[in-house]
Amino acid sequence: MPTKSYVQTNINGESVEFLAEPRQSLLEVLRDTLQLTGAKEGCNDGNCGACTVKMDGRIVCSCLVFGVEAEGADIETIEGMASPEGLHPLQTAFLENAALQCGICTPGFLMASKALLDHNPNPTEGQIRWWLANNLCRCTGYDKIVRAVMDAAQKMQA
């Protein structure tokens, strides 16, 4: 039986400690150990983006990161996107623009979109499409998602 490692990290602004087996992915730790089930398991091989989180300021597929690699990291998940005051403008824009259907891809798109707007608060349509190219959606098509990101960017600058 593999020995578990003790990991201290920061998730959504809070200090978190957990035990992880060396083979466990960050996605497994988030969902199964920490009960943060917002990141979804889509493909489990880094091709769909449904499990996207921010780790030390960069978007990563949490299915491709080992849980033990979270040691000392600053991680943001979809659960940390909204505030006590309400939804993040991106979340509101996704709702208002009907940019979601089944919801499997939505957390990944939201996290990747937030990373984009943190990096570039006024992206072009082409920049949005390029930035989100690693996230797959089988339901909505991409136009509604791109429009939602553009809408959120505009509202966040107002």
N, C-alpha and C. Protein backbone atom coordinates (compact mmCIF):
# COMPACT_ATOMS: atom_id res chain seq x y z
N MET A 1 0.84 -1.18 0.00
CA MET A 1 0.00 0.00 0.00
C MET A 1 0.89 1.24 0.00
N PRO A 2 0.63 2.19 -0.91
CA PRO A 2 1.46 3.40 -0.97
C PRO A 2 1.34 4.24 0.31
N THR A 3 2.44 4.88 0.63
CA THR A 3 2.47 5.77 1.78
C THR A 3 1.88 7.11 1.36
N LYS A 4 1.05 7.66 2.20
CA LYS A 4 0.46 8.97 1.90
C LYS A 4 1.40 10.07 2.35
N SER A 5 1.36 11.17 1.60
CA SER A 5 2.18 12.35 1.92
C SER A 5 1.30 13.43 2.52
N TYR A 6 1.87 14.13 3.46
CA TYR A 6 1.19 15.25 4.10
C TYR A 6 1.43 16.49 3.23
N VAL A 7 0.35 17.18 2.88
CA VAL A 7 0.44 18.35 2.00
C VAL A 7 -0.23 19.54 2.67
N GLN A 8 0.47 20.66 2.68
CA GLN A 8 -0.09 21.93 3.12
C GLN A 8 -0.15 22.84 1.91
N THR A 9 -1.30 23.45 1.70
CA THR A 9 -1.50 24.32 0.54
C THR A 9 -2.51 25.40 0.90
N ASN A 10 -2.76 26.26 -0.05
CA ASN A 10 -3.73 27.34 0.12
C ASN A 10 -4.76 27.19 -1.00
N ILE A 11 -6.02 26.94 -0.63
CA ILE A 11 -7.07 26.77 -1.63
C ILE A 11 -8.15 27.82 -1.38
N ASN A 12 -8.38 28.63 -2.40
CA ASN A 12 -9.39 29.69 -2.34
C ASN A 12 -9.17 30.60 -1.13
N GLY A 13 -7.90 30.91 -0.86
CA GLY A 13 -7.57 31.84 0.20
C GLY A 13 -7.52 31.25 1.59
N GLU A 14 -7.72 29.95 1.72
CA GLU A 14 -7.69 29.31 3.02
C GLU A 14 -6.58 28.27 3.08
N SER A 15 -5.92 28.19 4.22
CA SER A 15 -4.90 27.17 4.43
C SER A 15 -5.58 25.81 4.55
N VAL A 16 -5.06 24.83 3.81
CA VAL A 16 -5.64 23.50 3.77
C VAL A 16 -4.54 22.47 3.94
N GLU A 17 -4.84 21.42 4.68
CA GLU A 17 -3.93 20.29 4.86
C GLU A 17 -4.66 19.02 4.46
N PHE A 18 -3.93 18.11 3.81
CA PHE A 18 -4.53 16.82 3.46
C PHE A 18 -3.44 15.78 3.28
N LEU A 19 -3.86 14.54 3.24
CA LEU A 19 -2.97 13.42 2.94
C LEU A 19 -3.28 12.95 1.53
N ALA A 20 -2.23 12.67 0.75
CA ALA A 20 -2.43 12.23 -0.62
C ALA A 20 -1.48 11.09 -0.95
N GLU A 21 -1.98 10.11 -1.66
CA GLU A 21 -1.14 9.06 -2.19
C GLU A 21 -0.31 9.65 -3.33
N PRO A 22 0.88 9.15 -3.56
CA PRO A 22 1.73 9.71 -4.63
C PRO A 22 1.08 9.71 -6.00
N ARG A 23 0.20 8.75 -6.27
CA ARG A 23 -0.43 8.63 -7.60
C ARG A 23 -1.70 9.44 -7.74
N GLN A 24 -2.22 10.00 -6.64
CA GLN A 24 -3.50 10.72 -6.70
C GLN A 24 -3.35 12.05 -7.42
N SER A 25 -4.28 12.32 -8.31
CA SER A 25 -4.27 13.60 -9.00
C SER A 25 -4.84 14.69 -8.09
N LEU A 26 -4.51 15.92 -8.42
CA LEU A 26 -5.09 17.04 -7.69
C LEU A 26 -6.61 17.02 -7.83
N LEU A 27 -7.11 16.63 -8.98
CA LEU A 27 -8.57 16.53 -9.17
C LEU A 27 -9.17 15.54 -8.18
N GLU A 28 -8.55 14.38 -8.02
CA GLU A 28 -9.05 13.39 -7.06
C GLU A 28 -9.03 13.94 -5.64
N VAL A 29 -7.96 14.62 -5.30
CA VAL A 29 -7.85 15.19 -3.95
C VAL A 29 -8.94 16.24 -3.74
N LEU A 30 -9.10 17.14 -4.72
CA LEU A 30 -10.12 18.18 -4.59
C LEU A 30 -11.51 17.57 -4.41
N ARG A 31 -11.86 16.63 -5.28
CA ARG A 31 -13.21 16.07 -5.27
C ARG A 31 -13.44 15.07 -4.14
N ASP A 32 -12.52 14.12 -3.98
CA ASP A 32 -12.76 13.00 -3.07
C ASP A 32 -12.31 13.26 -1.63
N THR A 33 -11.22 13.98 -1.47
CA THR A 33 -10.69 14.23 -0.13
C THR A 33 -11.23 15.52 0.47
N LEU A 34 -11.25 16.58 -0.33
CA LEU A 34 -11.63 17.91 0.18
C LEU A 34 -13.09 18.27 -0.12
N GLN A 35 -13.79 17.42 -0.84
CA GLN A 35 -15.20 17.63 -1.18
C GLN A 35 -15.44 18.92 -1.96
N LEU A 36 -14.45 19.36 -2.73
CA LEU A 36 -14.60 20.50 -3.63
C LEU A 36 -14.90 19.91 -5.01
N THR A 37 -16.18 19.70 -5.28
CA THR A 37 -16.60 18.93 -6.45
C THR A 37 -16.91 19.80 -7.68
N GLY A 38 -16.55 21.07 -7.64
CA GLY A 38 -16.82 21.94 -8.78
C GLY A 38 -16.04 21.56 -10.01
N ALA A 39 -14.75 21.28 -9.87
CA ALA A 39 -13.95 20.84 -11.01
C ALA A 39 -14.46 19.47 -11.42
N LYS A 40 -14.68 19.29 -12.70
CA LYS A 40 -15.28 18.04 -13.19
C LYS A 40 -14.24 17.14 -13.85
N GLU A 41 -14.47 15.84 -13.77
CA GLU A 41 -13.64 14.89 -14.51
C GLU A 41 -14.32 14.64 -15.84
N GLY A 42 -13.71 15.13 -16.88
CA GLY A 42 -14.25 14.91 -18.22
C GLY A 42 -13.50 13.79 -18.91
N CYS A 43 -12.26 14.03 -19.26
CA CYS A 43 -11.48 13.05 -20.02
C CYS A 43 -10.43 12.35 -19.17
N ASN A 44 -9.99 12.98 -18.11
CA ASN A 44 -8.93 12.48 -17.21
C ASN A 44 -7.60 12.30 -17.91
N ASP A 45 -7.39 13.03 -19.03
CA ASP A 45 -6.08 13.00 -19.68
C ASP A 45 -5.67 14.38 -20.22
N GLY A 46 -6.29 15.44 -19.69
CA GLY A 46 -5.86 16.80 -20.02
C GLY A 46 -6.34 17.36 -21.33
N ASN A 47 -7.31 16.72 -21.97
CA ASN A 47 -7.75 17.18 -23.28
C ASN A 47 -9.02 18.00 -23.28
N CYS A 48 -9.79 18.03 -22.18
CA CYS A 48 -11.10 18.69 -22.24
C CYS A 48 -11.18 19.99 -21.44
N GLY A 49 -10.37 20.15 -20.41
CA GLY A 49 -10.38 21.38 -19.62
C GLY A 49 -11.46 21.46 -18.56
N ALA A 50 -12.29 20.43 -18.38
CA ALA A 50 -13.37 20.48 -17.40
C ALA A 50 -12.86 20.59 -15.97
N CYS A 51 -11.63 20.16 -15.75
CA CYS A 51 -11.06 20.17 -14.39
C CYS A 51 -10.11 21.35 -14.15
N THR A 52 -10.19 22.37 -14.99
CA THR A 52 -9.26 23.50 -14.91
C THR A 52 -9.37 24.23 -13.58
N VAL A 53 -8.21 24.47 -12.97
CA VAL A 53 -8.08 25.30 -11.77
C VAL A 53 -6.87 26.21 -12.00
N LYS A 54 -6.75 27.23 -11.15
CA LYS A 54 -5.55 28.05 -11.18
C LYS A 54 -4.62 27.58 -10.07
N MET A 55 -3.37 27.40 -10.42
CA MET A 55 -2.35 26.97 -9.47
C MET A 55 -1.17 27.92 -9.61
N ASP A 56 -0.91 28.66 -8.54
CA ASP A 56 0.15 29.67 -8.56
C ASP A 56 0.00 30.62 -9.74
N GLY A 57 -1.26 31.01 -10.01
CA GLY A 57 -1.54 32.01 -11.04
C GLY A 57 -1.66 31.48 -12.45
N ARG A 58 -1.43 30.19 -12.67
CA ARG A 58 -1.51 29.62 -14.00
C ARG A 58 -2.65 28.60 -14.05
N ILE A 59 -3.33 28.52 -15.19
CA ILE A 59 -4.37 27.51 -15.31
C ILE A 59 -3.72 26.16 -15.59
N VAL A 60 -4.25 25.14 -14.91
CA VAL A 60 -3.76 23.78 -15.09
C VAL A 60 -4.96 22.84 -15.13
N CYS A 61 -4.77 21.73 -15.81
CA CYS A 61 -5.76 20.65 -15.74
C CYS A 61 -5.44 19.88 -14.48
N SER A 62 -6.33 19.91 -13.52
CA SER A 62 -6.05 19.28 -12.23
C SER A 62 -5.95 17.76 -12.33
N CYS A 63 -6.41 17.19 -13.44
CA CYS A 63 -6.27 15.74 -13.64
C CYS A 63 -4.83 15.37 -13.99
N LEU A 64 -4.03 16.36 -14.41
CA LEU A 64 -2.64 16.10 -14.81
C LEU A 64 -1.63 16.50 -13.74
N VAL A 65 -2.09 17.04 -12.64
CA VAL A 65 -1.21 17.48 -11.56
C VAL A 65 -1.39 16.50 -10.40
N PHE A 66 -0.30 16.05 -9.84
CA PHE A 66 -0.41 15.19 -8.66
C PHE A 66 -0.79 16.04 -7.45
N GLY A 67 -1.60 15.47 -6.58
CA GLY A 67 -2.00 16.17 -5.36
C GLY A 67 -0.81 16.62 -4.54
N VAL A 68 0.25 15.81 -4.50
CA VAL A 68 1.43 16.17 -3.72
C VAL A 68 2.15 17.39 -4.29
N GLU A 69 1.92 17.69 -5.56
CA GLU A 69 2.52 18.88 -6.17
C GLU A 69 1.86 20.17 -5.68
N ALA A 70 0.77 20.04 -4.97
CA ALA A 70 0.08 21.22 -4.42
C ALA A 70 0.79 21.77 -3.19
N GLU A 71 1.79 21.06 -2.68
CA GLU A 71 2.53 21.51 -1.50
C GLU A 71 2.99 22.95 -1.68
N GLY A 72 2.51 23.82 -0.78
CA GLY A 72 2.91 25.23 -0.78
C GLY A 72 2.31 26.07 -1.89
N ALA A 73 1.45 25.50 -2.70
CA ALA A 73 0.88 26.22 -3.84
C ALA A 73 -0.32 27.05 -3.42
N ASP A 74 -0.66 28.00 -4.27
CA ASP A 74 -1.87 28.80 -4.11
C ASP A 74 -2.83 28.36 -5.21
N ILE A 75 -3.92 27.74 -4.80
CA ILE A 75 -4.86 27.14 -5.75
C ILE A 75 -6.20 27.86 -5.69
N GLU A 76 -6.75 28.14 -6.86
CA GLU A 76 -8.10 28.71 -6.95
C GLU A 76 -8.98 27.72 -7.71
N THR A 77 -10.13 27.41 -7.12
CA THR A 77 -11.10 26.53 -7.77
C THR A 77 -12.38 27.32 -8.03
N ILE A 78 -13.28 26.72 -8.74
CA ILE A 78 -14.55 27.37 -9.05
C ILE A 78 -15.32 27.74 -7.78
N GLU A 79 -15.12 26.96 -6.70
CA GLU A 79 -15.81 27.26 -5.44
C GLU A 79 -15.39 28.61 -4.87
N GLY A 80 -14.21 29.08 -5.22
CA GLY A 80 -13.73 30.36 -4.71
C GLY A 80 -14.02 31.54 -5.62
N MET A 81 -14.71 31.31 -6.71
CA MET A 81 -14.94 32.38 -7.68
C MET A 81 -15.97 33.40 -7.21
N ALA A 82 -17.07 32.96 -6.69
CA ALA A 82 -18.10 33.88 -6.19
C ALA A 82 -17.66 34.41 -4.83
N SER A 83 -18.24 35.51 -4.44
CA SER A 83 -17.95 36.09 -3.12
C SER A 83 -19.24 36.06 -2.29
N PRO A 84 -19.13 36.35 -1.01
CA PRO A 84 -20.36 36.40 -0.19
C PRO A 84 -21.37 37.42 -0.72
N GLU A 85 -20.88 38.42 -1.46
CA GLU A 85 -21.77 39.44 -2.01
C GLU A 85 -22.54 38.94 -3.23
N GLY A 86 -22.06 37.87 -3.87
CA GLY A 86 -22.77 37.36 -5.03
C GLY A 86 -21.85 36.71 -6.04
N LEU A 87 -22.43 36.38 -7.17
CA LEU A 87 -21.68 35.73 -8.23
C LEU A 87 -20.62 36.65 -8.82
N HIS A 88 -19.58 36.06 -9.34
CA HIS A 88 -18.56 36.79 -10.09
C HIS A 88 -19.22 37.26 -11.39
N PRO A 89 -18.82 38.40 -11.94
CA PRO A 89 -19.42 38.87 -13.20
C PRO A 89 -19.37 37.85 -14.33
N LEU A 90 -18.35 37.02 -14.36
CA LEU A 90 -18.31 35.97 -15.39
C LEU A 90 -19.43 34.95 -15.19
N GLN A 91 -19.68 34.58 -13.96
CA GLN A 91 -20.76 33.63 -13.68
C GLN A 91 -22.11 34.22 -14.09
N THR A 92 -22.30 35.48 -13.78
CA THR A 92 -23.54 36.15 -14.17
C THR A 92 -23.66 36.22 -15.69
N ALA A 93 -22.57 36.55 -16.36
CA ALA A 93 -22.59 36.64 -17.82
C ALA A 93 -22.88 35.28 -18.46
N PHE A 94 -22.34 34.21 -17.90
CA PHE A 94 -22.63 32.88 -18.43
C PHE A 94 -24.12 32.57 -18.31
N LEU A 95 -24.72 32.94 -17.20
CA LEU A 95 -26.16 32.73 -17.03
C LEU A 95 -26.96 33.59 -18.00
N GLU A 96 -26.64 34.87 -18.07
CA GLU A 96 -27.40 35.80 -18.91
C GLU A 96 -27.26 35.50 -20.39
N ASN A 97 -26.14 34.94 -20.80
CA ASN A 97 -25.89 34.65 -22.21
C ASN A 97 -26.15 33.19 -22.58
N ALA A 98 -26.76 32.44 -21.67
CA ALA A 98 -27.07 31.02 -21.90
C ALA A 98 -25.83 30.25 -22.37
N ALA A 99 -24.70 30.51 -21.70
CA ALA A 99 -23.43 29.92 -22.11
C ALA A 99 -23.16 28.59 -21.42
N LEU A 100 -24.19 27.94 -20.95
CA LEU A 100 -24.03 26.63 -20.34
C LEU A 100 -25.27 25.80 -20.56
N GLN A 101 -25.08 24.50 -20.60
CA GLN A 101 -26.20 23.58 -20.68
C GLN A 101 -26.03 22.48 -19.67
N CYS A 102 -25.28 21.44 -20.00
CA CYS A 102 -25.17 20.32 -19.07
C CYS A 102 -24.31 20.67 -17.86
N GLY A 103 -23.36 21.57 -18.01
CA GLY A 103 -22.56 22.05 -16.89
C GLY A 103 -21.25 21.35 -16.65
N ILE A 104 -20.95 20.28 -17.36
CA ILE A 104 -19.68 19.57 -17.14
C ILE A 104 -18.50 20.48 -17.47
N CYS A 105 -18.55 21.20 -18.55
CA CYS A 105 -17.42 22.04 -18.97
C CYS A 105 -17.41 23.41 -18.30
N THR A 106 -18.52 23.82 -17.75
CA THR A 106 -18.68 25.20 -17.26
C THR A 106 -17.63 25.63 -16.24
N PRO A 107 -17.34 24.84 -15.20
CA PRO A 107 -16.32 25.29 -14.25
C PRO A 107 -14.96 25.54 -14.90
N GLY A 108 -14.57 24.67 -15.83
CA GLY A 108 -13.30 24.85 -16.52
C GLY A 108 -13.29 26.10 -17.38
N PHE A 109 -14.38 26.34 -18.11
CA PHE A 109 -14.48 27.55 -18.93
C PHE A 109 -14.44 28.79 -18.05
N LEU A 110 -15.14 28.76 -16.93
CA LEU A 110 -15.15 29.92 -16.03
C LEU A 110 -13.77 30.20 -15.46
N MET A 111 -13.07 29.16 -15.02
CA MET A 111 -11.74 29.36 -14.45
C MET A 111 -10.75 29.86 -15.51
N ALA A 112 -10.81 29.30 -16.71
CA ALA A 112 -9.93 29.74 -17.79
C ALA A 112 -10.28 31.18 -18.20
N SER A 113 -11.56 31.50 -18.25
CA SER A 113 -11.99 32.86 -18.61
C SER A 113 -11.55 33.87 -17.56
N LYS A 114 -11.65 33.49 -16.29
CA LYS A 114 -11.21 34.39 -15.22
C LYS A 114 -9.71 34.63 -15.32
N ALA A 115 -8.96 33.58 -15.60
CA ALA A 115 -7.51 33.73 -15.77
C ALA A 115 -7.21 34.67 -16.93
N LEU A 116 -7.96 34.56 -18.01
CA LEU A 116 -7.77 35.45 -19.15
C LEU A 116 -8.03 36.89 -18.74
N LEU A 117 -9.17 37.14 -18.09
CA LEU A 117 -9.52 38.52 -17.73
C LEU A 117 -8.60 39.08 -16.65
N ASP A 118 -8.04 38.22 -15.81
CA ASP A 118 -7.02 38.68 -14.86
C ASP A 118 -5.77 39.11 -15.60
N HIS A 119 -5.45 38.42 -16.69
CA HIS A 119 -4.27 38.69 -17.49
C HIS A 119 -4.50 39.83 -18.49
N ASN A 120 -5.69 39.85 -19.09
CA ASN A 120 -6.03 40.84 -20.12
C ASN A 120 -7.49 41.23 -19.93
N PRO A 121 -7.76 42.36 -19.26
CA PRO A 121 -9.14 42.73 -18.96
C PRO A 121 -9.98 43.14 -20.16
N ASN A 122 -9.36 43.33 -21.33
CA ASN A 122 -10.12 43.76 -22.51
C ASN A 122 -9.69 42.94 -23.73
N PRO A 123 -9.94 41.63 -23.72
CA PRO A 123 -9.50 40.80 -24.83
C PRO A 123 -10.39 40.94 -26.06
N THR A 124 -9.80 40.67 -27.20
CA THR A 124 -10.57 40.62 -28.44
C THR A 124 -11.27 39.26 -28.53
N GLU A 125 -12.19 39.14 -29.46
CA GLU A 125 -12.87 37.85 -29.65
C GLU A 125 -11.85 36.77 -30.00
N GLY A 126 -10.90 37.11 -30.86
CA GLY A 126 -9.87 36.15 -31.25
C GLY A 126 -9.02 35.70 -30.08
N GLN A 127 -8.67 36.64 -29.21
CA GLN A 127 -7.88 36.30 -28.02
C GLN A 127 -8.67 35.38 -27.09
N ILE A 128 -9.96 35.63 -26.94
CA ILE A 128 -10.79 34.76 -26.10
C ILE A 128 -10.84 33.36 -26.68
N ARG A 129 -11.09 33.27 -27.98
CA ARG A 129 -11.17 31.96 -28.62
C ARG A 129 -9.84 31.20 -28.49
N TRP A 130 -8.73 31.89 -28.65
CA TRP A 130 -7.42 31.25 -28.52
C TRP A 130 -7.19 30.78 -27.09
N TRP A 131 -7.51 31.65 -26.12
CA TRP A 131 -7.28 31.33 -24.71
C TRP A 131 -8.11 30.13 -24.26
N LEU A 132 -9.32 30.02 -24.79
CA LEU A 132 -10.23 28.94 -24.38
C LEU A 132 -10.15 27.70 -25.27
N ALA A 133 -9.19 27.67 -26.17
CA ALA A 133 -9.09 26.56 -27.13
C ALA A 133 -8.86 25.20 -26.48
N ASN A 134 -8.34 25.17 -25.27
CA ASN A 134 -8.11 23.89 -24.59
C ASN A 134 -9.31 23.41 -23.80
N ASN A 135 -10.41 24.14 -23.85
CA ASN A 135 -11.63 23.73 -23.15
C ASN A 135 -12.66 23.28 -24.19
N LEU A 136 -13.21 22.11 -23.95
CA LEU A 136 -14.18 21.55 -24.90
C LEU A 136 -15.59 21.60 -24.34
N CYS A 137 -16.55 21.91 -25.21
CA CYS A 137 -17.96 21.90 -24.86
C CYS A 137 -18.70 21.11 -25.93
N ARG A 138 -19.51 20.19 -25.48
CA ARG A 138 -20.26 19.36 -26.43
C ARG A 138 -21.71 19.82 -26.57
N CYS A 139 -22.13 20.81 -25.78
CA CYS A 139 -23.54 21.18 -25.76
C CYS A 139 -23.84 22.55 -26.38
N THR A 140 -23.17 23.59 -25.91
CA THR A 140 -23.59 24.94 -26.26
C THR A 140 -23.00 25.47 -27.55
N GLY A 141 -21.92 24.90 -28.01
CA GLY A 141 -21.15 25.56 -29.04
C GLY A 141 -20.36 26.65 -28.34
N TYR A 142 -19.52 27.33 -29.04
CA TYR A 142 -18.61 28.26 -28.38
C TYR A 142 -19.02 29.72 -28.47
N ASP A 143 -19.91 30.05 -29.39
CA ASP A 143 -20.28 31.45 -29.57
C ASP A 143 -20.88 32.07 -28.31
N LYS A 144 -21.77 31.34 -27.64
CA LYS A 144 -22.39 31.87 -26.42
C LYS A 144 -21.36 32.05 -25.32
N ILE A 145 -20.41 31.16 -25.24
CA ILE A 145 -19.37 31.26 -24.22
C ILE A 145 -18.50 32.48 -24.51
N VAL A 146 -18.09 32.65 -25.75
CA VAL A 146 -17.26 33.80 -26.13
C VAL A 146 -18.01 35.10 -25.87
N ARG A 147 -19.29 35.15 -26.23
CA ARG A 147 -20.09 36.36 -25.98
C ARG A 147 -20.19 36.64 -24.49
N ALA A 148 -20.32 35.60 -23.68
CA ALA A 148 -20.41 35.78 -22.23
C ALA A 148 -19.12 36.38 -21.68
N VAL A 149 -17.98 35.91 -22.16
CA VAL A 149 -16.69 36.45 -21.69
C VAL A 149 -16.55 37.90 -22.13
N MET A 150 -16.94 38.20 -23.36
CA MET A 150 -16.87 39.58 -23.84
C MET A 150 -17.79 40.49 -23.03
N ASP A 151 -18.98 40.00 -22.72
CA ASP A 151 -19.94 40.74 -21.92
C ASP A 151 -19.40 41.01 -20.52
N ALA A 152 -18.83 39.98 -19.91
CA ALA A 152 -18.27 40.13 -18.56
C ALA A 152 -17.11 41.12 -18.56
N ALA A 153 -16.26 41.03 -19.57
CA ALA A 153 -15.11 41.94 -19.66
C ALA A 153 -15.58 43.38 -19.73
N GLN A 154 -16.61 43.61 -20.55
CA GLN A 154 -17.15 44.96 -20.69
C GLN A 154 -17.75 45.46 -19.38
N LYS A 155 -18.52 44.62 -18.71
CA LYS A 155 -19.15 45.02 -17.45
C LYS A 155 -18.12 45.22 -16.34
N MET A 156 -17.07 44.44 -16.33
CA MET A 156 -16.04 44.55 -15.29
C MET A 156 -15.23 45.83 -15.45
N GLN A 157 -15.19 46.38 -16.67
CA GLN A 157 -14.45 47.63 -16.90
C GLN A 157 -15.30 48.86 -16.62
N ALA A 158 -16.60 48.69 -16.57
CA ALA A 158 -17.51 49.84 -16.36
C ALA A 158 -17.44 50.34 -14.94
